[in-house]
Protein backbone atom coordinates (compact mmCIF):
# COMPACT_ATOMS: atom_id res chain seq x y z
CA UNK A 1 68.99 39.31 174.14
CA UNK A 2 72.11 39.51 176.30
CA UNK A 3 74.38 39.50 173.26
CA UNK A 4 72.33 42.26 171.63
CA UNK A 5 72.52 44.32 174.83
CA UNK A 6 76.30 43.84 175.01
CA UNK A 7 76.58 44.93 171.39
CA UNK A 8 74.51 48.00 172.21
CA UNK A 9 76.89 48.86 175.08
CA UNK A 10 79.85 48.65 172.69
CA UNK A 11 77.97 50.63 170.06
CA UNK A 12 77.14 53.41 172.53
CA UNK A 13 80.80 53.59 173.52
CA UNK A 14 81.83 53.70 169.88
CA UNK A 15 79.39 56.51 169.06
CA UNK A 16 80.60 58.47 172.08
CA UNK A 17 84.22 57.96 170.98
CA UNK A 18 83.36 59.05 167.46
CA UNK A 19 81.85 62.33 168.66
CA UNK A 20 83.93 63.14 171.75
CA UNK A 21 87.11 61.05 171.55
CA UNK A 22 86.29 59.38 174.89
CA UNK A 23 85.94 55.55 174.96
CA UNK A 24 85.15 55.20 178.66
CA UNK A 25 81.48 54.25 179.19
CA UNK A 26 81.52 55.79 182.66
CA UNK A 27 82.18 59.20 181.07
CA UNK A 28 79.57 59.33 178.31
CA UNK A 29 78.64 62.85 177.25
CA UNK A 30 77.06 62.45 173.82
CA UNK A 31 73.24 62.24 174.31
CA UNK A 32 72.63 59.40 171.84
CA UNK A 33 75.34 57.33 173.53
CA UNK A 34 73.68 57.93 176.90
CA UNK A 35 70.32 56.87 175.47
CA UNK A 36 71.75 53.69 173.92
CA UNK A 37 73.59 52.73 177.11
CA UNK A 38 70.41 53.24 179.15
CA UNK A 39 68.50 50.98 176.75
CA UNK A 40 71.28 48.37 176.83
CA UNK A 41 71.28 48.24 180.63
CA UNK A 42 67.49 47.98 180.55
CA UNK A 43 67.81 45.01 178.19
CA UNK A 44 70.40 43.30 180.37
CA UNK A 45 68.33 43.76 183.52
CA UNK A 46 65.07 42.79 181.84
CA UNK A 47 63.35 46.11 182.51
CA UNK A 48 60.15 47.00 180.65
CA UNK A 49 59.90 47.14 177.60
CA UNK A 50 62.78 44.67 177.29
CA UNK A 51 61.33 42.24 179.84
CA UNK A 52 59.59 39.75 177.52
CA UNK A 53 62.46 37.26 177.49
CA UNK A 54 62.88 37.01 181.25
CA UNK A 55 59.65 35.26 182.44
CA UNK A 56 59.78 32.77 179.58
CA UNK A 57 63.43 31.90 180.16
CA UNK A 58 62.87 31.49 183.92
CA UNK A 59 59.80 29.31 183.30
CA UNK A 60 61.81 26.99 181.07
CA UNK A 61 64.73 26.72 183.51
CA UNK A 62 65.35 24.64 186.60
CA UNK A 63 65.00 26.44 189.92
CA UNK A 64 68.78 26.49 190.35
CA UNK A 65 69.30 28.07 186.92
CA UNK A 66 66.45 30.49 187.60
CA UNK A 67 68.16 31.48 190.86
CA UNK A 68 71.39 32.24 189.01
CA UNK A 69 69.54 34.24 186.34
CA UNK A 70 67.62 36.23 188.94
CA UNK A 71 70.57 37.07 191.17
CA UNK A 72 74.13 36.45 189.99
CA UNK A 73 73.49 37.28 186.34
CA UNK A 74 72.02 40.64 187.39
CA UNK A 75 75.16 41.65 189.28
CA UNK A 76 77.23 42.84 186.26
CA UNK A 77 74.42 45.01 184.81
CA UNK A 78 73.67 46.45 188.26
CA UNK A 79 77.37 47.27 188.60
CA UNK A 80 77.36 48.99 185.21
CA UNK A 81 74.16 50.81 186.20
CA UNK A 82 75.87 51.96 189.41
CA UNK A 83 79.05 53.09 187.66
CA UNK A 84 77.28 54.93 184.84
CA UNK A 85 74.21 56.25 186.69
CA UNK A 86 75.33 59.87 186.33
CA UNK A 87 75.56 59.64 182.53
CA UNK A 88 72.41 57.66 181.78
CA UNK A 89 69.31 59.24 180.29
CA UNK A 90 67.18 59.99 183.39
CA UNK A 91 63.85 60.24 181.53
CA UNK A 92 64.28 56.88 179.80
CA UNK A 93 65.57 55.19 182.97
CA UNK A 94 62.70 56.59 185.05
CA UNK A 95 60.13 55.57 182.42
CA UNK A 96 61.50 52.02 182.25
CA UNK A 97 61.71 51.83 186.04
CA UNK A 98 58.14 52.99 186.69
CA UNK A 99 56.78 50.72 183.95
CA UNK A 100 58.78 47.77 185.35
CA UNK A 101 57.56 48.35 188.88
CA UNK A 102 53.93 48.57 187.80
CA UNK A 103 53.93 45.84 185.18
CA UNK A 104 56.00 43.44 187.27
CA UNK A 105 53.55 43.70 190.16
CA UNK A 106 50.47 43.59 187.96
CA UNK A 107 51.56 40.63 185.82
CA UNK A 108 52.75 38.68 188.84
CA UNK A 109 49.21 38.69 190.24
CA UNK A 110 47.90 36.75 187.24
CA UNK A 111 50.36 33.82 187.42
CA UNK A 112 50.09 30.31 188.84
CA UNK A 113 53.60 29.14 187.95
CA UNK A 114 56.05 29.88 190.76
CA UNK A 115 58.97 30.71 188.47
CA UNK A 116 56.89 33.21 186.48
CA UNK A 117 55.75 34.86 189.71
CA UNK A 118 59.38 35.14 190.77
CA UNK A 119 60.33 36.48 187.32
CA UNK A 120 57.75 39.26 187.52
CA UNK A 121 58.82 39.93 191.10
CA UNK A 122 62.37 40.34 189.82
CA UNK A 123 61.22 42.77 187.12
CA UNK A 124 59.34 44.80 189.71
CA UNK A 125 62.24 44.86 192.19
CA UNK A 126 64.69 45.89 189.48
CA UNK A 127 62.30 48.70 188.58
CA UNK A 128 62.51 49.96 192.15
CA UNK A 129 66.29 49.73 192.05
CA UNK A 130 66.42 51.71 188.80
CA UNK A 131 64.28 54.44 190.39
CA UNK A 132 66.40 54.53 193.54
CA UNK A 133 69.72 54.76 191.66
CA UNK A 134 68.86 58.25 190.44
CA UNK A 135 68.67 59.50 194.03
CA UNK A 136 71.00 57.22 195.99
CA UNK A 137 73.25 54.80 194.08
CA UNK A 138 74.59 53.18 197.26
CA UNK A 139 71.06 52.45 198.46
CA UNK A 140 70.46 50.64 195.16
CA UNK A 141 73.40 48.33 195.86
CA UNK A 142 72.10 47.63 199.37
CA UNK A 143 68.66 46.93 197.92
CA UNK A 144 70.17 44.56 195.35
CA UNK A 145 72.13 42.68 198.01
CA UNK A 146 69.02 42.26 200.17
CA UNK A 147 66.96 41.27 197.12
CA UNK A 148 69.58 38.64 196.20
CA UNK A 149 69.61 37.25 199.73
CA UNK A 150 65.82 37.00 199.96
CA UNK A 151 65.42 35.65 196.43
CA UNK A 152 68.10 33.02 197.02
CA UNK A 153 66.30 31.91 200.16
CA UNK A 154 62.99 31.58 198.29
CA UNK A 155 64.48 29.70 195.31
CA UNK A 156 66.48 27.31 197.50
CA UNK A 157 63.47 26.62 199.72
CA UNK A 158 61.26 25.93 196.71
CA UNK A 159 63.95 23.71 195.22
CA UNK A 160 64.16 21.72 198.46
CA UNK A 161 60.42 21.01 198.56
CA UNK A 162 60.14 20.68 194.74
CA UNK A 163 57.37 23.23 194.17
CA UNK A 164 56.54 24.15 190.58
CA UNK A 165 52.96 25.49 190.86
CA UNK A 166 51.11 27.35 193.56
CA UNK A 167 48.50 24.57 193.74
CA UNK A 168 51.15 21.99 194.71
CA UNK A 169 52.59 24.24 197.40
CA UNK A 170 49.59 23.74 199.68
CA UNK A 171 49.48 19.94 199.45
């Protein structure tokens, strides 16, 4: 999924260069390039409808790996989102963001596995960040930093007490 998203970023840059002569992804002007870059960032972040890989990968990972996937591995796409927010397709980004916020919260309610709950929480939080970036990009970065701090605390605490399911958390 990540390799496909990276390929899509390069492809959007190539299409933009083909039509406008500009290779810089922070200066996209061709509408199809903007659409492809928005989809690629959505794939990298795990936004709906590109979220299917994220809960399954987190569930199959150790808590330490899941922590890295939920925080540090989101930093480069968030940075690209921040740098290119003015040239992304606002309708697609808003649609993915609203769907991520709703679906992440809704699907998280139905889980008993801690890592899947945290995965859907991540999807929901990233949806909020994608909505906020349209209005205040700097607030999105602050939100991401706070999210990373809180998520790291939760993952490290759960790793210390070796919790895998909600039912074992109470015993």
